Amino acid sequence: MKIKIFILVLFSCFQFNYAQIHITSPKGGELIGSSPHFIIRYEGASFDSVDIKYSIDNKKSWNDIVWWSANGGGGVYRVAWDVPDVNSDSCFISVISKSDTKVGDTSKRFTIYKLVYDSLVINQIKFYFRNDGDQAVLPKEDYGGLLWPGGKDAKISSVFREGILLGGLVNSEIRISGTWWSSGLIPGNIEEG
């Protein structure tokens, strides 16, 4: 009796790419004001460099934020972005490896809105504020919006502790409902004496 044995061997080739990039900020759905210093965060394996871009027209066109050379091993990376002065609800961030363009991530949709600045002058002090509720910030900066001396022509940011006292006059009584304070120090020369 003859027994025929067939051995069927199937080979499959799979290519696994463990290198990946994942954008963690912006996550999508945010309202981001047009100011400097928004921090883009992404995680992933180490790459020699990445391209970081943004779109304000629902991915129809892309603008360079930075070409960045990553340092060391994988981890969490942070890149400061000067957010453009536009109004758009169709914004995206893209981070793509320069060495392997198949590796990258694109954020979910978020919104950019223009920050509008105004100022108030009282007793030779000029005080800036903007439409997102942040006080004492110079236009396109994140600090130093309390200027003194000089009134409406003041140009020198000062050491300050400033704030807003929320309240008003109710039936001829002054009522206070809350406060907000900020402290800051603008770097400068140390004077002798």
N, C-alpha and C. Protein backbone atom coordinates (compact mmCIF):
# COMPACT_ATOMS: atom_id res chain seq x y z
N MET A 1 0.82 -1.16 0.00
CA MET A 1 0.00 0.00 0.00
C MET A 1 0.88 1.24 0.00
N LYS A 2 0.61 2.08 -0.95
CA LYS A 2 1.38 3.30 -1.08
C LYS A 2 0.58 4.46 -0.49
N ILE A 3 1.26 5.24 0.31
CA ILE A 3 0.62 6.43 0.91
C ILE A 3 1.35 7.65 0.34
N LYS A 4 0.56 8.47 -0.19
CA LYS A 4 1.13 9.71 -0.69
C LYS A 4 0.86 10.81 0.34
N ILE A 5 1.91 11.47 0.68
CA ILE A 5 1.77 12.57 1.64
C ILE A 5 2.11 13.85 0.91
N PHE A 6 1.20 14.76 1.02
CA PHE A 6 1.41 16.07 0.44
C PHE A 6 1.59 17.08 1.57
N ILE A 7 2.58 17.81 1.43
CA ILE A 7 2.79 18.88 2.41
C ILE A 7 2.60 20.19 1.66
N LEU A 8 1.66 20.91 2.13
CA LEU A 8 1.36 22.19 1.52
C LEU A 8 1.87 23.28 2.45
N VAL A 9 2.75 24.03 1.92
CA VAL A 9 3.31 25.11 2.72
C VAL A 9 2.95 26.42 2.03
N LEU A 10 2.36 27.27 2.78
CA LEU A 10 2.01 28.61 2.28
C LEU A 10 2.94 29.63 2.91
N PHE A 11 3.46 30.43 2.07
CA PHE A 11 4.31 31.51 2.56
C PHE A 11 3.61 32.83 2.28
N SER A 12 3.58 33.63 3.25
CA SER A 12 3.06 34.98 3.06
C SER A 12 4.11 35.95 3.54
N CYS A 13 4.25 36.96 2.81
CA CYS A 13 5.22 37.99 3.20
C CYS A 13 4.45 39.22 3.64
N PHE A 14 4.74 39.64 4.81
CA PHE A 14 4.14 40.85 5.34
C PHE A 14 5.25 41.82 5.69
N GLN A 15 5.03 43.04 5.39
CA GLN A 15 6.00 44.04 5.79
C GLN A 15 5.38 44.85 6.92
N PHE A 16 6.01 44.82 8.06
CA PHE A 16 5.53 45.58 9.20
C PHE A 16 6.40 46.82 9.35
N ASN A 17 5.77 47.94 9.46
CA ASN A 17 6.50 49.18 9.67
C ASN A 17 6.12 49.72 11.04
N TYR A 18 7.02 49.57 11.99
CA TYR A 18 6.72 49.99 13.35
C TYR A 18 6.90 51.50 13.53
N ALA A 19 7.55 52.14 12.58
CA ALA A 19 7.73 53.58 12.68
C ALA A 19 6.40 54.26 12.41
N GLN A 20 6.03 55.17 13.27
CA GLN A 20 4.78 55.89 13.07
C GLN A 20 4.87 57.26 13.72
N ILE A 21 3.97 58.12 13.32
CA ILE A 21 3.86 59.47 13.88
C ILE A 21 2.41 59.66 14.27
N HIS A 22 2.18 60.25 15.44
CA HIS A 22 0.81 60.52 15.90
C HIS A 22 0.75 61.94 16.45
N ILE A 23 -0.06 62.81 15.83
CA ILE A 23 -0.22 64.19 16.30
C ILE A 23 -1.14 64.18 17.52
N THR A 24 -0.67 64.78 18.61
CA THR A 24 -1.48 64.84 19.84
C THR A 24 -2.02 66.24 20.11
N SER A 25 -1.50 67.27 19.44
CA SER A 25 -2.03 68.63 19.58
C SER A 25 -1.67 69.41 18.32
N PRO A 26 -2.65 69.94 17.62
CA PRO A 26 -4.08 69.96 17.96
C PRO A 26 -4.73 68.61 17.69
N LYS A 27 -5.73 68.29 18.52
CA LYS A 27 -6.44 67.02 18.40
C LYS A 27 -7.59 67.10 17.41
N GLY A 28 -8.09 68.31 17.19
CA GLY A 28 -9.26 68.52 16.34
C GLY A 28 -10.38 69.12 17.16
N GLY A 29 -11.10 70.06 16.56
CA GLY A 29 -12.20 70.71 17.25
C GLY A 29 -11.80 71.95 18.02
N GLU A 30 -10.49 72.23 18.16
CA GLU A 30 -10.07 73.39 18.93
C GLU A 30 -10.37 74.70 18.20
N LEU A 31 -10.48 75.76 18.98
CA LEU A 31 -10.52 77.13 18.48
C LEU A 31 -9.18 77.74 18.86
N ILE A 32 -8.36 78.05 17.86
CA ILE A 32 -7.01 78.53 18.10
C ILE A 32 -6.90 79.96 17.60
N GLY A 33 -6.48 80.87 18.49
CA GLY A 33 -6.30 82.27 18.11
C GLY A 33 -5.02 82.48 17.33
N SER A 34 -5.03 83.48 16.45
CA SER A 34 -3.87 83.78 15.60
C SER A 34 -2.79 84.47 16.41
N SER A 35 -2.03 83.69 17.12
CA SER A 35 -0.98 84.25 17.97
C SER A 35 0.28 83.41 17.81
N PRO A 36 1.40 83.95 18.26
CA PRO A 36 2.61 83.13 18.21
C PRO A 36 2.57 82.08 19.31
N HIS A 37 3.38 81.11 19.18
CA HIS A 37 3.67 80.17 20.27
C HIS A 37 2.60 79.12 20.53
N PHE A 38 1.76 78.76 19.57
CA PHE A 38 0.91 77.59 19.76
C PHE A 38 1.84 76.38 19.64
N ILE A 39 1.71 75.43 20.55
CA ILE A 39 2.61 74.28 20.56
C ILE A 39 1.95 73.10 19.85
N ILE A 40 2.57 72.68 18.74
CA ILE A 40 2.17 71.44 18.05
C ILE A 40 2.93 70.31 18.75
N ARG A 41 2.21 69.24 19.09
CA ARG A 41 2.84 68.09 19.75
C ARG A 41 2.59 66.84 18.90
N TYR A 42 3.62 66.05 18.77
CA TYR A 42 3.43 64.75 18.11
C TYR A 42 4.36 63.75 18.77
N GLU A 43 4.00 62.48 18.66
CA GLU A 43 4.79 61.40 19.22
C GLU A 43 5.18 60.48 18.09
N GLY A 44 6.25 59.75 18.30
CA GLY A 44 6.62 58.78 17.30
C GLY A 44 8.05 58.35 17.41
N ALA A 45 8.39 57.45 16.51
CA ALA A 45 9.75 56.95 16.43
C ALA A 45 10.67 58.07 15.96
N SER A 46 11.94 57.89 16.15
CA SER A 46 12.91 58.89 15.74
C SER A 46 13.08 58.86 14.23
N PHE A 47 13.07 60.02 13.62
CA PHE A 47 13.34 60.18 12.21
C PHE A 47 14.43 61.22 12.09
N ASP A 48 15.18 61.15 11.00
CA ASP A 48 16.20 62.17 10.81
C ASP A 48 15.56 63.55 10.76
N SER A 49 14.42 63.66 10.10
CA SER A 49 13.72 64.94 10.02
C SER A 49 12.28 64.72 9.58
N VAL A 50 11.45 65.72 9.85
CA VAL A 50 10.04 65.68 9.47
C VAL A 50 9.66 67.00 8.79
N ASP A 51 8.64 66.95 7.97
CA ASP A 51 8.02 68.15 7.41
C ASP A 51 6.76 68.41 8.21
N ILE A 52 6.59 69.62 8.69
CA ILE A 52 5.38 70.00 9.41
C ILE A 52 4.72 71.11 8.61
N LYS A 53 3.46 70.88 8.26
CA LYS A 53 2.73 71.82 7.40
C LYS A 53 1.34 72.08 7.98
N TYR A 54 0.70 73.16 7.50
CA TYR A 54 -0.68 73.44 7.88
C TYR A 54 -1.50 73.78 6.64
N SER A 55 -2.78 73.52 6.75
CA SER A 55 -3.73 73.87 5.69
C SER A 55 -4.86 74.68 6.32
N ILE A 56 -5.28 75.74 5.64
CA ILE A 56 -6.42 76.54 6.12
C ILE A 56 -7.59 76.46 5.15
N ASP A 57 -7.47 75.56 4.15
CA ASP A 57 -8.50 75.45 3.12
C ASP A 57 -8.93 73.99 2.90
N ASN A 58 -9.11 73.27 4.01
CA ASN A 58 -9.61 71.90 3.96
C ASN A 58 -8.69 70.97 3.15
N LYS A 59 -7.37 71.13 3.32
CA LYS A 59 -6.33 70.29 2.72
C LYS A 59 -6.15 70.51 1.22
N LYS A 60 -6.68 71.60 0.67
CA LYS A 60 -6.48 71.87 -0.76
C LYS A 60 -5.05 72.33 -1.03
N SER A 61 -4.49 73.09 -0.09
CA SER A 61 -3.10 73.52 -0.21
C SER A 61 -2.44 73.44 1.17
N TRP A 62 -1.12 73.32 1.16
CA TRP A 62 -0.36 73.17 2.41
C TRP A 62 0.72 74.22 2.47
N ASN A 63 0.96 74.76 3.66
CA ASN A 63 1.99 75.76 3.91
C ASN A 63 3.00 75.19 4.91
N ASP A 64 4.28 75.45 4.66
CA ASP A 64 5.33 74.97 5.56
C ASP A 64 5.26 75.69 6.90
N ILE A 65 5.34 74.92 7.96
CA ILE A 65 5.53 75.50 9.29
C ILE A 65 7.02 75.46 9.57
N VAL A 66 7.58 74.28 9.45
CA VAL A 66 9.00 74.14 9.74
C VAL A 66 9.47 72.80 9.18
N TRP A 67 10.69 72.77 8.77
CA TRP A 67 11.39 71.52 8.51
C TRP A 67 12.22 71.32 9.75
N TRP A 68 12.00 70.23 10.42
CA TRP A 68 12.61 70.07 11.72
C TRP A 68 13.43 68.82 11.79
N SER A 69 14.62 68.94 12.30
CA SER A 69 15.50 67.80 12.50
C SER A 69 15.29 67.28 13.91
N ALA A 70 14.76 66.08 14.02
CA ALA A 70 14.47 65.49 15.33
C ALA A 70 15.75 65.07 16.02
N ASN A 71 15.76 65.16 17.34
CA ASN A 71 16.95 64.78 18.11
C ASN A 71 16.70 63.48 18.83
N GLY A 72 17.59 62.53 18.68
CA GLY A 72 17.58 61.31 19.48
C GLY A 72 16.47 60.35 19.13
N GLY A 73 16.12 59.51 20.12
CA GLY A 73 15.16 58.42 19.94
C GLY A 73 13.73 58.90 19.91
N GLY A 74 12.84 57.93 19.81
CA GLY A 74 11.42 58.23 19.75
C GLY A 74 10.93 58.89 21.02
N GLY A 75 9.81 59.53 20.94
CA GLY A 75 9.28 60.20 22.11
C GLY A 75 8.24 61.21 21.72
N VAL A 76 8.13 62.23 22.54
CA VAL A 76 7.17 63.31 22.32
C VAL A 76 7.94 64.53 21.85
N TYR A 77 7.48 65.12 20.77
CA TYR A 77 8.14 66.29 20.19
C TYR A 77 7.21 67.48 20.25
N ARG A 78 7.80 68.67 20.46
CA ARG A 78 7.04 69.92 20.55
C ARG A 78 7.63 70.92 19.57
N VAL A 79 6.76 71.59 18.82
CA VAL A 79 7.20 72.61 17.87
C VAL A 79 6.33 73.84 18.06
N ALA A 80 6.95 75.01 18.27
CA ALA A 80 6.20 76.27 18.39
C ALA A 80 5.79 76.74 17.01
N TRP A 81 4.52 77.15 16.88
CA TRP A 81 3.97 77.56 15.60
C TRP A 81 3.40 78.96 15.74
N ASP A 82 3.80 79.87 14.85
CA ASP A 82 3.18 81.19 14.76
C ASP A 82 1.92 81.04 13.92
N VAL A 83 0.77 81.01 14.57
CA VAL A 83 -0.51 80.76 13.91
C VAL A 83 -0.84 81.94 12.99
N PRO A 84 -1.22 81.69 11.74
CA PRO A 84 -1.48 82.79 10.80
C PRO A 84 -2.69 83.62 11.23
N ASP A 85 -2.70 84.86 10.78
CA ASP A 85 -3.75 85.81 11.12
C ASP A 85 -4.92 85.67 10.13
N VAL A 86 -5.69 84.58 10.28
CA VAL A 86 -6.80 84.28 9.37
C VAL A 86 -8.01 83.82 10.17
N ASN A 87 -9.15 83.79 9.52
CA ASN A 87 -10.35 83.14 10.06
C ASN A 87 -10.64 81.95 9.16
N SER A 88 -10.58 80.74 9.70
CA SER A 88 -10.88 79.54 8.92
C SER A 88 -11.32 78.42 9.85
N ASP A 89 -12.37 77.72 9.44
CA ASP A 89 -12.83 76.55 10.21
C ASP A 89 -12.47 75.24 9.52
N SER A 90 -11.51 75.30 8.58
CA SER A 90 -11.10 74.12 7.81
C SER A 90 -9.59 73.93 7.89
N CYS A 91 -9.06 73.90 9.11
CA CYS A 91 -7.60 73.86 9.31
C CYS A 91 -7.12 72.48 9.73
N PHE A 92 -5.91 72.14 9.28
CA PHE A 92 -5.28 70.85 9.58
C PHE A 92 -3.79 71.05 9.74
N ILE A 93 -3.16 70.16 10.51
CA ILE A 93 -1.71 70.09 10.66
C ILE A 93 -1.28 68.73 10.12
N SER A 94 -0.13 68.68 9.45
CA SER A 94 0.42 67.44 8.92
C SER A 94 1.88 67.32 9.35
N VAL A 95 2.25 66.14 9.83
CA VAL A 95 3.65 65.84 10.18
C VAL A 95 4.04 64.59 9.41
N ILE A 96 5.05 64.69 8.54
CA ILE A 96 5.44 63.58 7.68
C ILE A 96 6.96 63.40 7.74
N SER A 97 7.39 62.16 7.85
CA SER A 97 8.81 61.85 7.85
C SER A 97 9.41 62.20 6.50
N LYS A 98 10.57 62.85 6.50
CA LYS A 98 11.26 63.16 5.24
C LYS A 98 11.93 61.91 4.66
N SER A 99 12.32 60.97 5.53
CA SER A 99 13.01 59.78 5.04
C SER A 99 12.04 58.70 4.55
N ASP A 100 10.78 58.72 5.02
CA ASP A 100 9.78 57.75 4.58
C ASP A 100 8.43 58.47 4.53
N THR A 101 8.09 59.00 3.37
CA THR A 101 6.89 59.85 3.24
C THR A 101 5.58 59.09 3.44
N LYS A 102 5.65 57.75 3.58
CA LYS A 102 4.44 56.98 3.89
C LYS A 102 4.13 57.04 5.39
N VAL A 103 5.08 57.55 6.17
CA VAL A 103 4.92 57.62 7.62
C VAL A 103 4.60 59.06 7.99
N GLY A 104 3.42 59.25 8.57
CA GLY A 104 3.01 60.58 8.98
C GLY A 104 1.62 60.57 9.56
N ASP A 105 1.15 61.75 9.92
CA ASP A 105 -0.19 61.89 10.49
C ASP A 105 -0.72 63.26 10.12
N THR A 106 -2.03 63.34 10.03
CA THR A 106 -2.72 64.61 9.81
C THR A 106 -3.73 64.77 10.92
N SER A 107 -3.78 65.96 11.50
CA SER A 107 -4.72 66.23 12.60
C SER A 107 -6.15 66.21 12.09
N LYS A 108 -7.06 66.17 13.01
CA LYS A 108 -8.47 66.38 12.68
C LYS A 108 -8.68 67.88 12.52
N ARG A 109 -9.80 68.25 11.93
CA ARG A 109 -10.11 69.65 11.62
C ARG A 109 -10.19 70.50 12.90
N PHE A 110 -9.63 71.72 12.82
CA PHE A 110 -9.75 72.70 13.89
C PHE A 110 -9.97 74.08 13.28
N THR A 111 -10.22 75.07 14.11
CA THR A 111 -10.56 76.42 13.66
C THR A 111 -9.50 77.42 14.12
N ILE A 112 -9.12 78.33 13.22
CA ILE A 112 -8.27 79.46 13.56
C ILE A 112 -9.12 80.72 13.47
N TYR A 113 -9.01 81.59 14.47
CA TYR A 113 -9.71 82.88 14.42
C TYR A 113 -8.72 84.00 14.67
N LYS A 114 -8.99 85.15 14.04
CA LYS A 114 -8.13 86.31 14.20
C LYS A 114 -8.29 86.89 15.60
N LEU A 115 -7.18 87.15 16.24
CA LEU A 115 -7.22 87.85 17.51
C LEU A 115 -7.28 89.35 17.23
N VAL A 116 -8.18 90.03 17.91
CA VAL A 116 -8.33 91.47 17.75
C VAL A 116 -7.87 92.12 19.05
N TYR A 117 -6.99 93.10 18.92
CA TYR A 117 -6.42 93.78 20.07
C TYR A 117 -6.99 95.18 20.19
N ASP A 118 -7.13 95.64 21.42
CA ASP A 118 -7.51 97.02 21.69
C ASP A 118 -6.76 97.45 22.93
N SER A 119 -6.83 98.72 23.25
CA SER A 119 -6.12 99.20 24.42
C SER A 119 -6.96 100.23 25.17
N LEU A 120 -6.59 100.42 26.41
CA LEU A 120 -7.25 101.35 27.31
C LEU A 120 -6.14 102.16 27.98
N VAL A 121 -6.32 103.48 28.10
CA VAL A 121 -5.31 104.33 28.72
C VAL A 121 -5.91 104.99 29.95
N ILE A 122 -5.26 104.79 31.10
CA ILE A 122 -5.69 105.41 32.36
C ILE A 122 -4.42 105.85 33.10
N ASN A 123 -4.37 107.10 33.54
CA ASN A 123 -3.26 107.62 34.36
C ASN A 123 -1.88 107.29 33.79
N GLN A 124 -1.66 107.59 32.53
CA GLN A 124 -0.36 107.38 31.86
C GLN A 124 0.00 105.91 31.68
N ILE A 125 -0.94 104.98 31.92
CA ILE A 125 -0.72 103.55 31.73
C ILE A 125 -1.56 103.08 30.54
N LYS A 126 -0.92 102.41 29.61
CA LYS A 126 -1.62 101.84 28.46
C LYS A 126 -1.74 100.34 28.70
N PHE A 127 -2.95 99.82 28.57
CA PHE A 127 -3.27 98.43 28.89
C PHE A 127 -3.89 97.79 27.66
N TYR A 128 -3.25 96.74 27.11
CA TYR A 128 -3.78 96.02 25.96
C TYR A 128 -4.63 94.83 26.41
N PHE A 129 -5.62 94.50 25.62
CA PHE A 129 -6.43 93.30 25.82
C PHE A 129 -6.86 92.82 24.45
N ARG A 130 -7.34 91.56 24.39
CA ARG A 130 -7.75 91.02 23.10
C ARG A 130 -9.06 90.25 23.21
N ASN A 131 -9.61 89.88 22.06
CA ASN A 131 -10.96 89.31 22.01
C ASN A 131 -11.09 87.88 22.52
N ASP A 132 -10.02 87.26 22.99
CA ASP A 132 -10.16 85.93 23.57
C ASP A 132 -10.16 85.99 25.10
N GLY A 133 -10.22 87.20 25.64
CA GLY A 133 -10.31 87.36 27.08
C GLY A 133 -8.96 87.51 27.76
N ASP A 134 -7.87 87.35 27.03
CA ASP A 134 -6.55 87.49 27.63
C ASP A 134 -6.23 88.98 27.77
N GLN A 135 -5.74 89.35 28.93
CA GLN A 135 -5.41 90.74 29.18
C GLN A 135 -3.91 90.92 29.26
N ALA A 136 -3.48 92.18 29.14
CA ALA A 136 -2.08 92.57 29.28
C ALA A 136 -1.17 91.80 28.35
N VAL A 137 -1.54 91.73 27.08
CA VAL A 137 -0.69 91.11 26.08
C VAL A 137 -0.53 92.07 24.91
N LEU A 138 0.70 92.24 24.47
CA LEU A 138 0.95 93.08 23.31
C LEU A 138 0.45 92.35 22.06
N PRO A 139 0.03 93.10 21.04
CA PRO A 139 -0.37 92.44 19.80
C PRO A 139 0.73 91.53 19.27
N LYS A 140 0.36 90.29 18.94
CA LYS A 140 1.23 89.23 18.43
C LYS A 140 2.29 88.79 19.44
N GLU A 141 2.09 89.02 20.71
CA GLU A 141 2.98 88.55 21.76
C GLU A 141 2.11 87.87 22.82
N ASP A 142 2.73 87.23 23.78
CA ASP A 142 1.97 86.63 24.87
C ASP A 142 2.34 87.24 26.21
N TYR A 143 2.85 88.45 26.20
CA TYR A 143 3.29 89.07 27.44
C TYR A 143 3.32 90.58 27.26
N GLY A 144 3.55 91.28 28.35
CA GLY A 144 3.96 92.67 28.33
C GLY A 144 2.96 93.69 27.85
N GLY A 145 1.68 93.49 28.05
CA GLY A 145 0.69 94.43 27.55
C GLY A 145 0.35 95.56 28.49
N LEU A 146 1.12 95.75 29.54
CA LEU A 146 0.93 96.87 30.45
C LEU A 146 2.12 97.80 30.22
N LEU A 147 1.85 98.96 29.61
CA LEU A 147 2.91 99.88 29.21
C LEU A 147 2.85 101.15 30.07
N TRP A 148 4.03 101.62 30.52
CA TRP A 148 4.09 102.81 31.35
C TRP A 148 5.49 103.37 31.30
N PRO A 149 5.75 104.62 31.38
CA PRO A 149 4.81 105.73 31.32
C PRO A 149 4.54 106.13 29.87
N GLY A 150 3.69 107.10 29.66
CA GLY A 150 3.49 107.65 28.33
C GLY A 150 2.06 107.72 27.86
N GLY A 151 1.12 107.16 28.64
CA GLY A 151 -0.27 107.22 28.21
C GLY A 151 -0.47 106.53 26.88
N LYS A 152 -1.19 107.20 25.95
CA LYS A 152 -1.50 106.56 24.66
C LYS A 152 -0.27 106.32 23.81
N ASP A 153 0.84 107.03 24.10
CA ASP A 153 2.09 106.84 23.34
C ASP A 153 3.08 105.93 24.06
N ALA A 154 2.67 105.29 25.15
CA ALA A 154 3.58 104.45 25.93
C ALA A 154 4.10 103.30 25.09
N LYS A 155 5.40 102.99 25.25
CA LYS A 155 6.02 101.92 24.46
C LYS A 155 6.86 100.97 25.33
N ILE A 156 6.97 101.24 26.63
CA ILE A 156 7.83 100.44 27.49
C ILE A 156 7.00 99.46 28.30
N SER A 157 7.24 98.14 28.09
CA SER A 157 6.58 97.13 28.93
C SER A 157 7.18 97.20 30.31
N SER A 158 6.36 97.02 31.31
CA SER A 158 6.80 97.23 32.69
C SER A 158 6.67 95.96 33.52
N VAL A 159 7.36 96.00 34.67
CA VAL A 159 7.12 95.00 35.70
C VAL A 159 5.70 95.27 36.16
N PHE A 160 4.91 94.24 36.32
CA PHE A 160 3.53 94.52 36.67
C PHE A 160 2.88 93.41 37.47
N ARG A 161 1.87 93.78 38.16
CA ARG A 161 0.88 92.87 38.70
C ARG A 161 -0.42 93.55 38.34
N GLU A 162 -1.11 92.98 37.40
CA GLU A 162 -2.32 93.63 36.91
C GLU A 162 -3.47 92.65 36.97
N GLY A 163 -4.63 93.18 36.86
CA GLY A 163 -5.79 92.31 36.89
C GLY A 163 -7.06 93.05 36.60
N ILE A 164 -8.13 92.32 36.62
CA ILE A 164 -9.45 92.89 36.38
C ILE A 164 -10.32 92.53 37.57
N LEU A 165 -11.01 93.51 38.05
CA LEU A 165 -11.96 93.33 39.13
C LEU A 165 -13.34 93.33 38.49
N LEU A 166 -14.05 92.23 38.62
CA LEU A 166 -15.37 92.11 37.99
C LEU A 166 -16.43 92.53 38.98
N GLY A 167 -17.23 93.46 38.60
CA GLY A 167 -18.28 93.93 39.50
C GLY A 167 -19.01 95.09 38.87
N GLY A 168 -19.81 95.74 39.68
CA GLY A 168 -20.56 96.87 39.17
C GLY A 168 -21.43 97.49 40.23
N LEU A 169 -22.16 98.46 39.80
CA LEU A 169 -23.06 99.18 40.69
C LEU A 169 -24.45 98.57 40.55
N VAL A 170 -24.99 98.06 41.67
CA VAL A 170 -26.32 97.45 41.67
C VAL A 170 -27.14 98.15 42.75
N ASN A 171 -28.21 98.82 42.35
CA ASN A 171 -29.06 99.56 43.30
C ASN A 171 -28.23 100.45 44.23
N SER A 172 -27.36 101.23 43.65
CA SER A 172 -26.47 102.16 44.35
C SER A 172 -25.48 101.48 45.30
N GLU A 173 -25.27 100.16 45.17
CA GLU A 173 -24.25 99.44 45.94
C GLU A 173 -23.21 98.87 44.99
N ILE A 174 -21.95 98.94 45.40
CA ILE A 174 -20.89 98.33 44.60
C ILE A 174 -20.82 96.86 44.97
N ARG A 175 -20.94 95.99 43.95
CA ARG A 175 -20.87 94.55 44.18
C ARG A 175 -19.73 93.96 43.35
N ILE A 176 -18.98 93.07 43.97
CA ILE A 176 -17.84 92.43 43.31
C ILE A 176 -18.16 90.95 43.10
N SER A 177 -17.88 90.45 41.88
CA SER A 177 -18.19 89.05 41.62
C SER A 177 -16.95 88.21 41.36
N GLY A 178 -15.80 88.80 41.17
CA GLY A 178 -14.60 88.00 40.94
C GLY A 178 -13.44 88.86 40.49
N THR A 179 -12.27 88.26 40.47
CA THR A 179 -11.07 88.94 40.01
C THR A 179 -10.23 88.00 39.18
N TRP A 180 -9.35 88.57 38.40
CA TRP A 180 -8.36 87.82 37.63
C TRP A 180 -7.07 88.60 37.73
N TRP A 181 -5.96 87.92 38.05
CA TRP A 181 -4.67 88.58 38.23
C TRP A 181 -3.60 87.89 37.41
N SER A 182 -2.63 88.68 36.99
CA SER A 182 -1.47 88.15 36.30
C SER A 182 -0.25 88.92 36.77
N SER A 183 0.87 88.23 36.88
CA SER A 183 2.11 88.90 37.25
C SER A 183 3.14 88.64 36.17
N GLY A 184 4.01 89.58 35.99
CA GLY A 184 5.05 89.39 34.98
C GLY A 184 6.23 90.27 35.22
N LEU A 185 7.31 89.92 34.59
CA LEU A 185 8.54 90.69 34.67
C LEU A 185 9.15 90.68 33.28
N ILE A 186 9.38 91.86 32.74
CA ILE A 186 10.00 91.96 31.42
C ILE A 186 11.50 92.03 31.65
N PRO A 187 12.30 91.13 31.05
CA PRO A 187 13.74 91.13 31.28
C PRO A 187 14.39 92.42 30.79
N GLY A 188 15.42 92.82 31.47
CA GLY A 188 16.17 94.02 31.08
C GLY A 188 17.47 94.11 31.84
N ASN A 189 18.15 95.22 31.69
CA ASN A 189 19.43 95.42 32.37
C ASN A 189 19.22 95.62 33.86
N ILE A 190 20.17 95.13 34.63
CA ILE A 190 20.15 95.37 36.08
C ILE A 190 20.97 96.62 36.32
N GLU A 191 20.35 97.62 36.90
CA GLU A 191 21.00 98.89 37.16
C GLU A 191 21.87 98.80 38.40
N GLU A 192 23.03 99.39 38.36
CA GLU A 192 23.89 99.43 39.54
C GLU A 192 23.34 100.43 40.54
N GLY A 193 23.57 100.13 41.85
CA GLY A 193 23.18 101.08 42.89
C GLY A 193 21.77 100.89 43.24
